[in-house]
Amino acid sequence: MTAGKPLTLRRVMLVTLLLAMILVVVGVVAVGLGPVPIPTREIGACLAQAATGHSASMTSDCRMIVLDLRLPRVLLALLVGAALSVAGAGFQSLLRNPLADPYVLGVSSGAALGAILALLAQPRTTLGTMGAAFAGALVTVAAVYFLGRRGGQLDSYTLLLAGVISASFFSAVIMFLMTSLPGRDLRGMAFWLMGDLSSPLPVRLGWLMLVTWLTIGAVYTTSADLNLLAGGEQEAMHLGVNVRRVKLVVYLGGSLLTALAVSVSGAIGYVGLLVPHVMRMLFGSDYRLLIPASALGGAIALIVADTLARTVVAPTELPVGAMTAIAGAPVFIYLLRRKLG
């Protein structure tokens, strides 16, 4: 399936099915890997027992390792990877910059700052933390957008510089706030900021999954309009695109997806940059295919990164953000050199 083929519903379904199958295989392998390896047959039997309600016959490895530890973590990596990738694809389209990414633009740092402010406040509430992360992400998107405009048009280099400056400023504020934390909490917060999928979830995974996929669905409704926006806002308006509505949906959706990801996993970088770029190379730039491909590709990428983070130097666990940065930073440099060249 090459990028040059015309897009059809059959091709969308085939690519989506292929990536979904890869995702299932990667997820099963990830559940089986760890200090205590679990064979694939036992994983299947464990999941079947859980689905049919036969909990009495479960082994301790099935209940504690598979259902309580590894499976929730794999599902969380799936959601966070999908959220960051779709947010990155949306930002890249509206800002018309392949370097746009929630982490590079400072959106992840803004969301992290909002979440930390909510965590330092009393009383702490889950909705308050996620709401503060969303507000931080939204403010950052707005600031970067307006700072990146020159003469009424978006300037790619100014936009990138505005994102880097915003990220640096928010990171400095976060470091300042962290000095007020007790030493017991400081290490955990620092690890969380580098990307951590092992922390207890503040909400039920089912609710997080529902909100994430509904938001991705909302962004997908703009996919046909995003294709037309690639030629410029004026041209898209002449073709009947409601540019204001598309911007509102994508900016709000991308900010919410980033906030959800950051509030449960910290600031994981470069997923929203690397995955959409790879999906464009493989399947083309039509957003009717790119958005679902990015969602599934991001889920696969983050599951692989998290599996490596918890196994490559076991029993020590690395921040998953370190793994994504190792892969994403060279891609960022490549894209920057190509754009400047």
C-alpha atoms as a PDB file:
ATOM      1  CA  MET A   1       0.000   0.000   0.000  1.00  0.00           C
ATOM      2  CA  THR A   2       1.841   3.068  -1.176  1.00  0.00           C
ATOM      3  CA  ALA A   3       1.180   6.734  -0.628  1.00  0.00           C
ATOM      4  CA  GLY A   4       0.497   7.327  -4.319  1.00  0.00           C
ATOM      5  CA  LYS A   5      -2.638   5.190  -4.584  1.00  0.00           C
ATOM      6  CA  PRO A   6      -5.987   7.019  -4.588  1.00  0.00           C
ATOM      7  CA  LEU A   7      -7.887   6.821  -1.348  1.00  0.00           C
ATOM      8  CA  THR A   8     -10.920   4.564  -1.246  1.00  0.00           C
ATOM      9  CA  LEU A   9     -13.042   3.247   1.604  1.00  0.00           C
ATOM     10  CA  ARG A  10     -11.610  -0.217   0.942  1.00  0.00           C
ATOM     11  CA  ARG A  11      -8.066   1.086   1.321  1.00  0.00           C
ATOM     12  CA  VAL A  12      -8.938   2.880   4.564  1.00  0.00           C
ATOM     13  CA  MET A  13     -10.457  -0.323   5.944  1.00  0.00           C
ATOM     14  CA  LEU A  14      -7.503  -2.462   4.851  1.00  0.00           C
ATOM     15  CA  VAL A  15      -4.897  -0.138   6.370  1.00  0.00           C
ATOM     16  CA  THR A  16      -6.901   0.227   9.574  1.00  0.00           C
ATOM     17  CA  LEU A  17      -7.355  -3.545   9.845  1.00  0.00           C
ATOM     18  CA  LEU A  18      -3.656  -4.172   9.202  1.00  0.00           C
ATOM     19  CA  LEU A  19      -2.570  -1.702  11.880  1.00  0.00           C
ATOM     20  CA  ALA A  20      -5.181  -3.046  14.304  1.00  0.00           C
ATOM     21  CA  MET A  21      -3.828  -6.577  13.841  1.00  0.00           C
ATOM     22  CA  ILE A  22      -0.277  -5.356  14.448  1.00  0.00           C
ATOM     23  CA  LEU A  23      -1.512  -3.531  17.552  1.00  0.00           C
ATOM     24  CA  VAL A  24      -3.092  -6.700  18.955  1.00  0.00           C
ATOM     25  CA  VAL A  25       0.079  -8.722  18.347  1.00  0.00           C
ATOM     26  CA  VAL A  26       2.295  -6.035  19.904  1.00  0.00           C
ATOM     27  CA  GLY A  27      -0.058  -5.742  22.878  1.00  0.00           C
ATOM     28  CA  VAL A  28      -0.052  -9.479  23.562  1.00  0.00           C
ATOM     29  CA  VAL A  29       3.745  -9.638  23.294  1.00  0.00           C
ATOM     30  CA  ALA A  30       4.050  -6.645  25.648  1.00  0.00           C
ATOM     31  CA  VAL A  31       1.815  -8.309  28.239  1.00  0.00           C
ATOM     32  CA  GLY A  32       3.965 -11.433  28.102  1.00  0.00           C
ATOM     33  CA  LEU A  33       7.320  -9.685  28.516  1.00  0.00           C
ATOM     34  CA  GLY A  34       8.767  -8.785  31.906  1.00  0.00           C
ATOM     35  CA  PRO A  35      10.709 -10.156  34.878  1.00  0.00           C
ATOM     36  CA  VAL A  36       8.187 -13.017  34.952  1.00  0.00           C
ATOM     37  CA  PRO A  37       7.574 -14.082  31.318  1.00  0.00           C
ATOM     38  CA  ILE A  38       4.019 -15.194  30.559  1.00  0.00           C
ATOM     39  CA  PRO A  39       3.489 -17.499  27.534  1.00  0.00           C
ATOM     40  CA  THR A  40       0.985 -16.340  24.933  1.00  0.00           C
ATOM     41  CA  ARG A  41      -1.231 -19.383  25.560  1.00  0.00           C
ATOM     42  CA  GLU A  42      -1.523 -18.484  29.255  1.00  0.00           C
ATOM     43  CA  ILE A  43      -2.322 -14.869  28.385  1.00  0.00           C
ATOM     44  CA  GLY A  44      -5.130 -16.013  26.095  1.00  0.00           C
ATOM     45  CA  ALA A  45      -6.522 -18.345  28.747  1.00  0.00           C
ATOM     46  CA  CYS A  46      -6.312 -15.608  31.377  1.00  0.00           C
ATOM     47  CA  LEU A  47      -8.135 -13.066  29.226  1.00  0.00           C
ATOM     48  CA  ALA A  48     -10.782 -15.661  28.326  1.00  0.00           C
ATOM     49  CA  GLN A  49     -11.360 -16.443  31.996  1.00  0.00           C
ATOM     50  CA  ALA A  50     -11.676 -12.754  32.810  1.00  0.00           C
ATOM     51  CA  ALA A  51     -14.100 -12.181  29.932  1.00  0.00           C
ATOM     52  CA  THR A  52     -16.323 -15.111  30.925  1.00  0.00           C
ATOM     53  CA  GLY A  53     -16.258 -14.319  34.646  1.00  0.00           C
ATOM     54  CA  HIS A  54     -14.435 -17.509  35.722  1.00  0.00           C
ATOM     55  CA  SER A  55     -12.269 -15.664  38.236  1.00  0.00           C
ATOM     56  CA  ALA A  56     -12.186 -18.566  40.713  1.00  0.00           C
ATOM     57  CA  SER A  57     -10.008 -20.665  38.381  1.00  0.00           C
ATOM     58  CA  MET A  58      -7.449 -17.904  37.716  1.00  0.00           C
ATOM     59  CA  THR A  59      -3.840 -18.424  38.766  1.00  0.00           C
ATOM     60  CA  SER A  60      -2.012 -15.812  40.825  1.00  0.00           C
ATOM     61  CA  ASP A  61       0.164 -14.917  37.814  1.00  0.00           C
ATOM     62  CA  CYS A  62      -2.945 -14.324  35.745  1.00  0.00           C
ATOM     63  CA  ARG A  63      -4.675 -12.131  38.295  1.00  0.00           C
ATOM     64  CA  MET A  64      -1.732 -10.129  39.654  1.00  0.00           C
ATOM     65  CA  ILE A  65       0.683  -9.897  36.727  1.00  0.00           C
ATOM     66  CA  VAL A  66      -1.568  -9.930  33.676  1.00  0.00           C
ATOM     67  CA  LEU A  67      -4.835  -8.343  34.814  1.00  0.00           C
ATOM     68  CA  ASP A  68      -3.641  -6.025  37.595  1.00  0.00           C
ATOM     69  CA  LEU A  69      -0.245  -4.883  36.288  1.00  0.00           C
ATOM     70  CA  ARG A  70       0.618  -5.400  32.641  1.00  0.00           C
ATOM     71  CA  LEU A  71      -2.709  -5.288  30.789  1.00  0.00           C
ATOM     72  CA  PRO A  72      -3.819  -1.924  32.285  1.00  0.00           C
ATOM     73  CA  ARG A  73      -0.404  -0.489  31.501  1.00  0.00           C
ATOM     74  CA  VAL A  74      -0.537  -1.695  27.898  1.00  0.00           C
ATOM     75  CA  LEU A  75      -4.045  -0.259  27.490  1.00  0.00           C
ATOM     76  CA  LEU A  76      -2.891   3.054  28.980  1.00  0.00           C
ATOM     77  CA  ALA A  77       0.062   3.175  26.569  1.00  0.00           C
ATOM     78  CA  LEU A  78      -2.399   2.491  23.743  1.00  0.00           C
ATOM     79  CA  LEU A  79      -4.597   5.443  24.709  1.00  0.00           C
ATOM     80  CA  VAL A  80      -1.768   7.886  25.395  1.00  0.00           C
ATOM     81  CA  GLY A  81       0.031   7.007  22.160  1.00  0.00           C
ATOM     82  CA  ALA A  82      -3.153   7.377  20.112  1.00  0.00           C
ATOM     83  CA  ALA A  83      -4.035  10.686  21.787  1.00  0.00           C
ATOM     84  CA  LEU A  84      -0.612  12.289  21.281  1.00  0.00           C
ATOM     85  CA  SER A  85      -0.341  11.098  17.677  1.00  0.00           C
ATOM     86  CA  VAL A  86      -3.753  12.446  16.639  1.00  0.00           C
ATOM     87  CA  ALA A  87      -3.050  15.728  18.441  1.00  0.00           C
ATOM     88  CA  GLY A  88       0.247  16.008  16.565  1.00  0.00           C
ATOM     89  CA  ALA A  89      -1.367  15.257  13.205  1.00  0.00           C
ATOM     90  CA  GLY A  90      -4.042  17.898  13.842  1.00  0.00           C
ATOM     91  CA  PHE A  91      -1.576  20.581  14.910  1.00  0.00           C
ATOM     92  CA  GLN A  92       0.655  19.856  11.924  1.00  0.00           C
ATOM     93  CA  SER A  93      -2.286  20.336   9.578  1.00  0.00           C
ATOM     94  CA  LEU A  94      -3.631  23.590  10.981  1.00  0.00           C
ATOM     95  CA  LEU A  95      -0.216  25.129  11.552  1.00  0.00           C
ATOM     96  CA  ARG A  96       1.039  23.746   8.220  1.00  0.00           C
ATOM     97  CA  ASN A  97       4.300  22.722   9.837  1.00  0.00           C
ATOM     98  CA  PRO A  98       5.611  19.115   9.904  1.00  0.00           C
ATOM     99  CA  LEU A  99       7.578  19.981  13.046  1.00  0.00           C
ATOM    100  CA  ALA A 100       4.438  20.759  15.052  1.00  0.00           C
ATOM    101  CA  ASP A 101       3.955  18.397  17.961  1.00  0.00           C
ATOM    102  CA  PRO A 102       2.411  18.792  21.446  1.00  0.00           C
ATOM    103  CA  TYR A 103       5.856  18.419  23.017  1.00  0.00           C
ATOM    104  CA  VAL A 104       7.823  20.623  20.611  1.00  0.00           C
ATOM    105  CA  LEU A 105       5.168  23.361  20.672  1.00  0.00           C
ATOM    106  CA  GLY A 106       5.200  23.443  24.462  1.00  0.00           C
ATOM    107  CA  VAL A 107       1.608  22.186  24.744  1.00  0.00           C
ATOM    108  CA  SER A 108       2.698  19.200  26.835  1.00  0.00           C
ATOM    109  CA  SER A 109       4.675  21.499  29.145  1.00  0.00           C
ATOM    110  CA  GLY A 110       1.692  23.826  29.481  1.00  0.00           C
ATOM    111  CA  ALA A 111      -0.562  20.889  30.334  1.00  0.00           C
ATOM    112  CA  ALA A 112       2.003  19.571  32.822  1.00  0.00           C
ATOM    113  CA  LEU A 113       2.204  22.986  34.499  1.00  0.00           C
ATOM    114  CA  GLY A 114      -1.580  23.103  34.826  1.00  0.00           C
ATOM    115  CA  ALA A 115      -1.668  19.590  36.271  1.00  0.00           C
ATOM    116  CA  ILE A 116       1.068  20.383  38.797  1.00  0.00           C
ATOM    117  CA  LEU A 117      -0.693  23.570  39.904  1.00  0.00           C
ATOM    118  CA  ALA A 118      -3.846  21.536  40.469  1.00  0.00           C
ATOM    119  CA  LEU A 119      -1.904  18.864  42.374  1.00  0.00           C
ATOM    120  CA  LEU A 120      -0.372  21.502  44.653  1.00  0.00           C
ATOM    121  CA  ALA A 121      -3.785  23.012  45.362  1.00  0.00           C
ATOM    122  CA  GLN A 122      -6.066  21.778  48.094  1.00  0.00           C
ATOM    123  CA  PRO A 123      -8.302  19.872  47.882  1.00  0.00           C
ATOM    124  CA  ARG A 124      -7.023  17.721  45.025  1.00  0.00           C
ATOM    125  CA  THR A 125      -9.613  16.364  42.614  1.00  0.00           C
ATOM    126  CA  THR A 126      -9.241  14.265  39.481  1.00  0.00           C
ATOM    127  CA  LEU A 127     -11.443  16.522  37.387  1.00  0.00           C
ATOM    128  CA  GLY A 128      -9.595  19.544  38.711  1.00  0.00           C
ATOM    129  CA  THR A 129      -6.249  18.108  37.632  1.00  0.00           C
ATOM    130  CA  MET A 130      -7.462  17.206  34.147  1.00  0.00           C
ATOM    131  CA  GLY A 131      -9.282  20.526  33.792  1.00  0.00           C
ATOM    132  CA  ALA A 132      -6.159  22.452  34.783  1.00  0.00           C
ATOM    133  CA  ALA A 133      -4.070  20.408  32.327  1.00  0.00           C
ATOM    134  CA  PHE A 134      -6.595  21.178  29.567  1.00  0.00           C
ATOM    135  CA  ALA A 135      -6.527  24.888  30.401  1.00  0.00           C
ATOM    136  CA  GLY A 136      -2.719  24.897  30.347  1.00  0.00           C
ATOM    137  CA  ALA A 137      -2.636  23.133  26.987  1.00  0.00           C
ATOM    138  CA  LEU A 138      -5.256  25.465  25.506  1.00  0.00           C
ATOM    139  CA  VAL A 139      -3.481  28.614  26.674  1.00  0.00           C
ATOM    140  CA  THR A 140      -0.211  27.331  25.219  1.00  0.00           C
ATOM    141  CA  VAL A 141      -1.783  26.553  21.832  1.00  0.00           C
ATOM    142  CA  ALA A 142      -3.313  30.028  21.685  1.00  0.00           C
ATOM    143  CA  ALA A 143      -0.057  31.724  22.714  1.00  0.00           C
ATOM    144  CA  VAL A 144       2.069  29.805  20.211  1.00  0.00           C
ATOM    145  CA  TYR A 145      -0.463  30.434  17.439  1.00  0.00           C
ATOM    146  CA  PHE A 146      -0.528  34.200  17.951  1.00  0.00           C
ATOM    147  CA  LEU A 147       3.220  34.478  18.526  1.00  0.00           C
ATOM    148  CA  GLY A 148       3.816  32.519  15.319  1.00  0.00           C
ATOM    149  CA  ARG A 149       1.857  34.914  13.106  1.00  0.00           C
ATOM    150  CA  ARG A 150       3.724  37.511  11.053  1.00  0.00           C
ATOM    151  CA  GLY A 151       1.860  39.866   8.773  1.00  0.00           C
ATOM    152  CA  GLY A 152      -1.363  37.956   9.287  1.00  0.00           C
ATOM    153  CA  GLN A 153       0.222  34.660   8.133  1.00  0.00           C
ATOM    154  CA  LEU A 154       1.751  31.781  10.069  1.00  0.00           C
ATOM    155  CA  ASP A 155       5.533  31.758   9.855  1.00  0.00           C
ATOM    156  CA  SER A 156       6.990  28.275  10.364  1.00  0.00           C
ATOM    157  CA  TYR A 157      10.251  29.406  11.937  1.00  0.00           C
ATOM    158  CA  THR A 158       8.608  31.945  14.256  1.00  0.00           C
ATOM    159  CA  LEU A 159       6.066  29.317  15.228  1.00  0.00           C
ATOM    160  CA  LEU A 160       8.738  26.788  16.074  1.00  0.00           C
ATOM    161  CA  LEU A 161      10.700  29.357  18.061  1.00  0.00           C
ATOM    162  CA  ALA A 162       7.572  30.392  19.970  1.00  0.00           C
ATOM    163  CA  GLY A 163       6.952  26.753  20.882  1.00  0.00           C
ATOM    164  CA  VAL A 164      10.501  26.206  22.099  1.00  0.00           C
ATOM    165  CA  ILE A 165      10.412  29.395  24.172  1.00  0.00           C
ATOM    166  CA  SER A 166       7.033  28.473  25.667  1.00  0.00           C
ATOM    167  CA  ALA A 167       8.257  24.994  26.566  1.00  0.00           C
ATOM    168  CA  SER A 168      11.400  26.426  28.184  1.00  0.00           C
ATOM    169  CA  PHE A 169       9.402  28.966  30.186  1.00  0.00           C
ATOM    170  CA  PHE A 170       6.873  26.416  31.449  1.00  0.00           C
ATOM    171  CA  SER A 171       9.656  23.969  32.293  1.00  0.00           C
ATOM    172  CA  ALA A 172      11.382  26.662  34.371  1.00  0.00           C
ATOM    173  CA  VAL A 173       8.145  27.395  36.243  1.00  0.00           C
ATOM    174  CA  ILE A 174       7.644  23.674  36.842  1.00  0.00           C
ATOM    175  CA  MET A 175      11.173  23.353  38.270  1.00  0.00           C
ATOM    176  CA  PHE A 176      10.478  26.304  40.563  1.00  0.00           C
ATOM    177  CA  LEU A 177       7.238  24.748  41.808  1.00  0.00           C
ATOM    178  CA  MET A 178       8.923  21.407  42.370  1.00  0.00           C
ATOM    179  CA  THR A 179      11.258  22.996  44.914  1.00  0.00           C
ATOM    180  CA  SER A 180       8.231  23.380  47.195  1.00  0.00           C
ATOM    181  CA  LEU A 181       7.588  19.627  47.202  1.00  0.00           C
ATOM    182  CA  PRO A 182       8.800  17.389  50.034  1.00  0.00           C
ATOM    183  CA  GLY A 183      11.816  15.272  49.166  1.00  0.00           C
ATOM    184  CA  ARG A 184       9.621  12.174  49.286  1.00  0.00           C
ATOM    185  CA  ASP A 185       7.456  13.480  46.428  1.00  0.00           C
ATOM    186  CA  LEU A 186      10.191  15.217  44.429  1.00  0.00           C
ATOM    187  CA  ARG A 187      11.667  12.107  42.820  1.00  0.00           C
ATOM    188  CA  GLY A 188       8.262  10.752  41.873  1.00  0.00           C
ATOM    189  CA  MET A 189       7.249  14.063  40.286  1.00  0.00           C
ATOM    190  CA  ALA A 190      10.527  14.283  38.342  1.00  0.00           C
ATOM    191  CA  PHE A 191      10.044  10.740  37.045  1.00  0.00           C
ATOM    192  CA  TRP A 192       6.435  11.546  36.091  1.00  0.00           C
ATOM    193  CA  LEU A 193       7.538  14.607  34.132  1.00  0.00           C
ATOM    194  CA  MET A 194       9.804  12.419  31.998  1.00  0.00           C
ATOM    195  CA  GLY A 195       6.891  10.147  31.114  1.00  0.00           C
ATOM    196  CA  ASP A 196       5.612   7.440  33.430  1.00  0.00           C
ATOM    197  CA  LEU A 197       2.918   4.851  32.730  1.00  0.00           C
ATOM    198  CA  SER A 198       3.302   3.002  36.037  1.00  0.00           C
ATOM    199  CA  SER A 199       1.538   5.496  38.318  1.00  0.00           C
ATOM    200  CA  PRO A 200      -1.963   4.638  39.586  1.00  0.00           C
ATOM    201  CA  LEU A 201      -4.655   6.068  37.320  1.00  0.00           C
ATOM    202  CA  PRO A 202      -6.672   8.967  38.770  1.00  0.00           C
ATOM    203  CA  VAL A 203      -9.776   7.766  36.891  1.00  0.00           C
ATOM    204  CA  ARG A 204     -11.144   4.467  35.685  1.00  0.00           C
ATOM    205  CA  LEU A 205      -9.507   3.280  32.495  1.00  0.00           C
ATOM    206  CA  GLY A 206     -12.904   2.793  30.865  1.00  0.00           C
ATOM    207  CA  TRP A 207     -13.821   6.460  31.287  1.00  0.00           C
ATOM    208  CA  LEU A 208     -10.445   7.557  29.988  1.00  0.00           C
ATOM    209  CA  MET A 209     -10.853   5.297  26.970  1.00  0.00           C
ATOM    210  CA  LEU A 210     -14.341   6.675  26.251  1.00  0.00           C
ATOM    211  CA  VAL A 211     -13.279  10.338  26.372  1.00  0.00           C
ATOM    212  CA  THR A 212     -10.121   9.700  24.334  1.00  0.00           C
ATOM    213  CA  TRP A 213     -11.866   7.869  21.474  1.00  0.00           C
ATOM    214  CA  LEU A 214     -14.774  10.333  21.404  1.00  0.00           C
ATOM    215  CA  THR A 215     -12.306  13.203  21.084  1.00  0.00           C
ATOM    216  CA  ILE A 216     -10.376  11.404  18.342  1.00  0.00           C
ATOM    217  CA  GLY A 217     -13.704  10.846  16.591  1.00  0.00           C
ATOM    218  CA  ALA A 218     -14.488  14.555  16.825  1.00  0.00           C
ATOM    219  CA  VAL A 219     -11.140  15.422  15.246  1.00  0.00           C
ATOM    220  CA  TYR A 220     -11.756  12.846  12.519  1.00  0.00           C
ATOM    221  CA  THR A 221     -14.974  14.620  11.476  1.00  0.00           C
ATOM    222  CA  THR A 222     -12.766  17.455  10.194  1.00  0.00           C
ATOM    223  CA  SER A 223     -10.495  15.165   8.113  1.00  0.00           C
ATOM    224  CA  ALA A 224     -11.966  16.084   4.715  1.00  0.00           C
ATOM    225  CA  ASP A 225     -11.746  19.794   5.569  1.00  0.00           C
ATOM    226  CA  LEU A 226      -8.140  19.394   6.739  1.00  0.00           C
ATOM    227  CA  ASN A 227      -7.260  18.098   3.273  1.00  0.00           C
ATOM    228  CA  LEU A 228      -8.642  21.293   1.738  1.00  0.00           C
ATOM    229  CA  LEU A 229      -6.917  23.485   4.320  1.00  0.00           C
ATOM    230  CA  ALA A 230      -3.554  22.170   3.116  1.00  0.00           C
ATOM    231  CA  GLY A 231      -3.844  24.593   0.189  1.00  0.00           C
ATOM    232  CA  GLY A 232      -4.389  27.607   2.456  1.00  0.00           C
ATOM    233  CA  GLU A 233      -7.236  29.109   4.433  1.00  0.00           C
ATOM    234  CA  GLN A 234      -8.515  31.397   1.676  1.00  0.00           C
ATOM    235  CA  GLU A 235      -8.687  28.592  -0.863  1.00  0.00           C
ATOM    236  CA  ALA A 236     -10.454  26.357   1.650  1.00  0.00           C
ATOM    237  CA  MET A 237     -13.024  29.067   2.409  1.00  0.00           C
ATOM    238  CA  HIS A 238     -13.742  29.449  -1.311  1.00  0.00           C
ATOM    239  CA  LEU A 239     -14.397  25.690  -1.417  1.00  0.00           C
ATOM    240  CA  GLY A 240     -16.976  25.973   1.355  1.00  0.00           C
ATOM    241  CA  VAL A 241     -14.895  24.981   4.385  1.00  0.00           C
ATOM    242  CA  ASN A 242     -15.941  26.517   7.692  1.00  0.00           C
ATOM    243  CA  VAL A 243     -12.372  27.312   8.703  1.00  0.00           C
ATOM    244  CA  ARG A 244     -13.316  28.726  12.100  1.00  0.00           C
ATOM    245  CA  ARG A 245     -15.204  25.557  13.060  1.00  0.00           C
ATOM    246  CA  VAL A 246     -12.373  23.301  11.889  1.00  0.00           C
ATOM    247  CA  LYS A 247      -9.823  25.295  13.890  1.00  0.00           C
ATOM    248  CA  LEU A 248     -12.021  25.219  16.972  1.00  0.00           C
ATOM    249  CA  VAL A 249     -12.563  21.445  16.792  1.00  0.00           C
ATOM    250  CA  VAL A 250      -8.929  20.587  16.096  1.00  0.00           C
ATOM    251  CA  TYR A 251      -7.395  23.010  18.600  1.00  0.00           C
ATOM    252  CA  LEU A 252      -9.831  22.039  21.361  1.00  0.00           C
ATOM    253  CA  GLY A 253      -9.578  18.340  20.484  1.00  0.00           C
ATOM    254  CA  GLY A 254      -5.784  18.391  20.285  1.00  0.00           C
ATOM    255  CA  SER A 255      -5.535  20.288  23.568  1.00  0.00           C
ATOM    256  CA  LEU A 256      -7.921  17.884  25.314  1.00  0.00           C
ATOM    257  CA  LEU A 257      -6.059  14.834  23.988  1.00  0.00           C
ATOM    258  CA  THR A 258      -2.744  16.301  25.149  1.00  0.00           C
ATOM    259  CA  ALA A 259      -4.200  17.174  28.550  1.00  0.00           C
ATOM    260  CA  LEU A 260      -5.618  13.673  29.016  1.00  0.00           C
ATOM    261  CA  ALA A 261      -2.281  12.114  28.085  1.00  0.00           C
ATOM    262  CA  VAL A 262      -0.205  14.413  30.287  1.00  0.00           C
ATOM    263  CA  SER A 263      -2.516  14.116  33.315  1.00  0.00           C
ATOM    264  CA  VAL A 264      -2.128  10.322  33.412  1.00  0.00           C
ATOM    265  CA  SER A 265       1.389   9.787  32.054  1.00  0.00           C
ATOM    266  CA  GLY A 266       3.396  13.009  32.262  1.00  0.00           C
ATOM    267  CA  ALA A 267       5.060  14.763  29.344  1.00  0.00           C
ATOM    268  CA  ILE A 268       5.976  12.117  26.754  1.00  0.00           C
ATOM    269  CA  GLY A 269       7.720  13.765  23.823  1.00  0.00           C
ATOM    270  CA  TYR A 270       8.009  13.242  20.073  1.00  0.00           C
ATOM    271  CA  VAL A 271       5.192  10.684  19.673  1.00  0.00           C
ATOM    272  CA  GLY A 272       3.038  13.314  17.970  1.00  0.00           C
ATOM    273  CA  LEU A 273       5.947  14.247  15.701  1.00  0.00           C
ATOM    274  CA  LEU A 274       7.337  10.847  14.765  1.00  0.00           C
ATOM    275  CA  VAL A 275       4.179   8.795  14.198  1.00  0.00           C
ATOM    276  CA  PRO A 276       2.236  11.126  11.820  1.00  0.00           C
ATOM    277  CA  HIS A 277       5.405  11.627   9.776  1.00  0.00           C
ATOM    278  CA  VAL A 278       5.935   7.869   9.413  1.00  0.00           C
ATOM    279  CA  MET A 279       2.256   7.337   8.557  1.00  0.00           C
ATOM    280  CA  ARG A 280       2.480  10.011   5.827  1.00  0.00           C
ATOM    281  CA  MET A 281       5.485   8.263   4.338  1.00  0.00           C
ATOM    282  CA  LEU A 282       3.669   4.919   4.319  1.00  0.00           C
ATOM    283  CA  PHE A 283       0.096   5.810   3.448  1.00  0.00           C
ATOM    284  CA  GLY A 284       0.001   9.392   2.157  1.00  0.00           C
ATOM    285  CA  SER A 285      -1.215  12.692   3.577  1.00  0.00           C
ATOM    286  CA  ASP A 286      -4.986  12.283   3.175  1.00  0.00           C
ATOM    287  CA  TYR A 287      -6.340  12.957   6.659  1.00  0.00           C
ATOM    288  CA  ARG A 288      -9.253  10.563   6.175  1.00  0.00           C
ATOM    289  CA  LEU A 289      -6.631   7.818   6.448  1.00  0.00           C
ATOM    290  CA  LEU A 290      -3.869   9.660   8.285  1.00  0.00           C
ATOM    291  CA  ILE A 291      -5.874  10.263  11.472  1.00  0.00           C
ATOM    292  CA  PRO A 292      -6.896   6.624  12.124  1.00  0.00           C
ATOM    293  CA  ALA A 293      -3.464   5.428  10.978  1.00  0.00           C
ATOM    294  CA  SER A 294      -1.784   7.875  13.372  1.00  0.00           C
ATOM    295  CA  ALA A 295      -4.018   6.758  16.246  1.00  0.00           C
ATOM    296  CA  LEU A 296      -3.187   3.090  15.743  1.00  0.00           C
ATOM    297  CA  GLY A 297       0.457   3.780  14.885  1.00  0.00           C
ATOM    298  CA  GLY A 298       0.868   5.931  17.995  1.00  0.00           C
ATOM    299  CA  ALA A 299      -0.620   3.175  20.141  1.00  0.00           C
ATOM    300  CA  ILE A 300       1.810   0.629  18.657  1.00  0.00           C
ATOM    301  CA  ALA A 301       4.804   2.948  19.041  1.00  0.00           C
ATOM    302  CA  LEU A 302       4.154   3.794  22.687  1.00  0.00           C
ATOM    303  CA  ILE A 303       3.450   0.186  23.682  1.00  0.00           C
ATOM    304  CA  VAL A 304       6.803  -0.787  22.133  1.00  0.00           C
ATOM    305  CA  ALA A 305       8.586   2.142  23.823  1.00  0.00           C
ATOM    306  CA  ASP A 306       7.083   1.357  27.236  1.00  0.00           C
ATOM    307  CA  THR A 307       7.911  -2.341  26.907  1.00  0.00           C
ATOM    308  CA  LEU A 308      11.527  -1.452  26.163  1.00  0.00           C
ATOM    309  CA  ALA A 309      11.569   1.058  29.032  1.00  0.00           C
ATOM    310  CA  ARG A 310      10.575  -1.581  31.592  1.00  0.00           C
ATOM    311  CA  THR A 311      12.610  -4.494  30.220  1.00  0.00           C
ATOM    312  CA  VAL A 312      15.834  -3.237  28.629  1.00  0.00           C
ATOM    313  CA  VAL A 313      17.608  -2.627  31.971  1.00  0.00           C
ATOM    314  CA  ALA A 314      15.290  -4.679  34.204  1.00  0.00           C
ATOM    315  CA  PRO A 315      14.713  -4.631  37.127  1.00  0.00           C
ATOM    316  CA  THR A 316      15.404  -0.898  36.814  1.00  0.00           C
ATOM    317  CA  GLU A 317      12.694   0.929  34.890  1.00  0.00           C
ATOM    318  CA  LEU A 318      13.425   3.806  32.515  1.00  0.00           C
ATOM    319  CA  PRO A 319      11.031   6.713  31.863  1.00  0.00           C
ATOM    320  CA  VAL A 320       9.104   5.980  28.679  1.00  0.00           C
ATOM    321  CA  GLY A 321       9.705   9.592  27.620  1.00  0.00           C
ATOM    322  CA  ALA A 322      13.416   8.816  27.410  1.00  0.00           C
ATOM    323  CA  MET A 323      12.731   6.031  24.930  1.00  0.00           C
ATOM    324  CA  THR A 324      10.523   8.182  22.721  1.00  0.00           C
ATOM    325  CA  ALA A 325      13.078  11.004  22.781  1.00  0.00           C
ATOM    326  CA  ILE A 326      15.838   8.639  21.634  1.00  0.00           C
ATOM    327  CA  ALA A 327      13.762   7.760  18.571  1.00  0.00           C
ATOM    328  CA  GLY A 328      12.103  11.132  18.023  1.00  0.00           C
ATOM    329  CA  ALA A 329      14.991  13.583  18.398  1.00  0.00           C
ATOM    330  CA  PRO A 330      16.879  12.333  15.296  1.00  0.00           C
ATOM    331  CA  VAL A 331      13.660  12.525  13.266  1.00  0.00           C
ATOM    332  CA  PHE A 332      13.114  16.088  14.481  1.00  0.00           C
ATOM    333  CA  ILE A 333      16.649  17.049  13.403  1.00  0.00           C
ATOM    334  CA  TYR A 334      16.106  15.407  10.002  1.00  0.00           C
ATOM    335  CA  LEU A 335      12.826  17.258   9.421  1.00  0.00           C
ATOM    336  CA  LEU A 336      14.335  20.548  10.570  1.00  0.00           C
ATOM    337  CA  ARG A 337      17.330  20.223   8.231  1.00  0.00           C
ATOM    338  CA  ARG A 338      15.062  19.303   5.326  1.00  0.00           C
ATOM    339  CA  LYS A 339      12.782  22.270   6.016  1.00  0.00           C
ATOM    340  CA  LEU A 340      15.704  24.688   6.342  1.00  0.00           C
ATOM    341  CA  GLY A 341      17.329  23.206   3.245  1.00  0.00           C
END
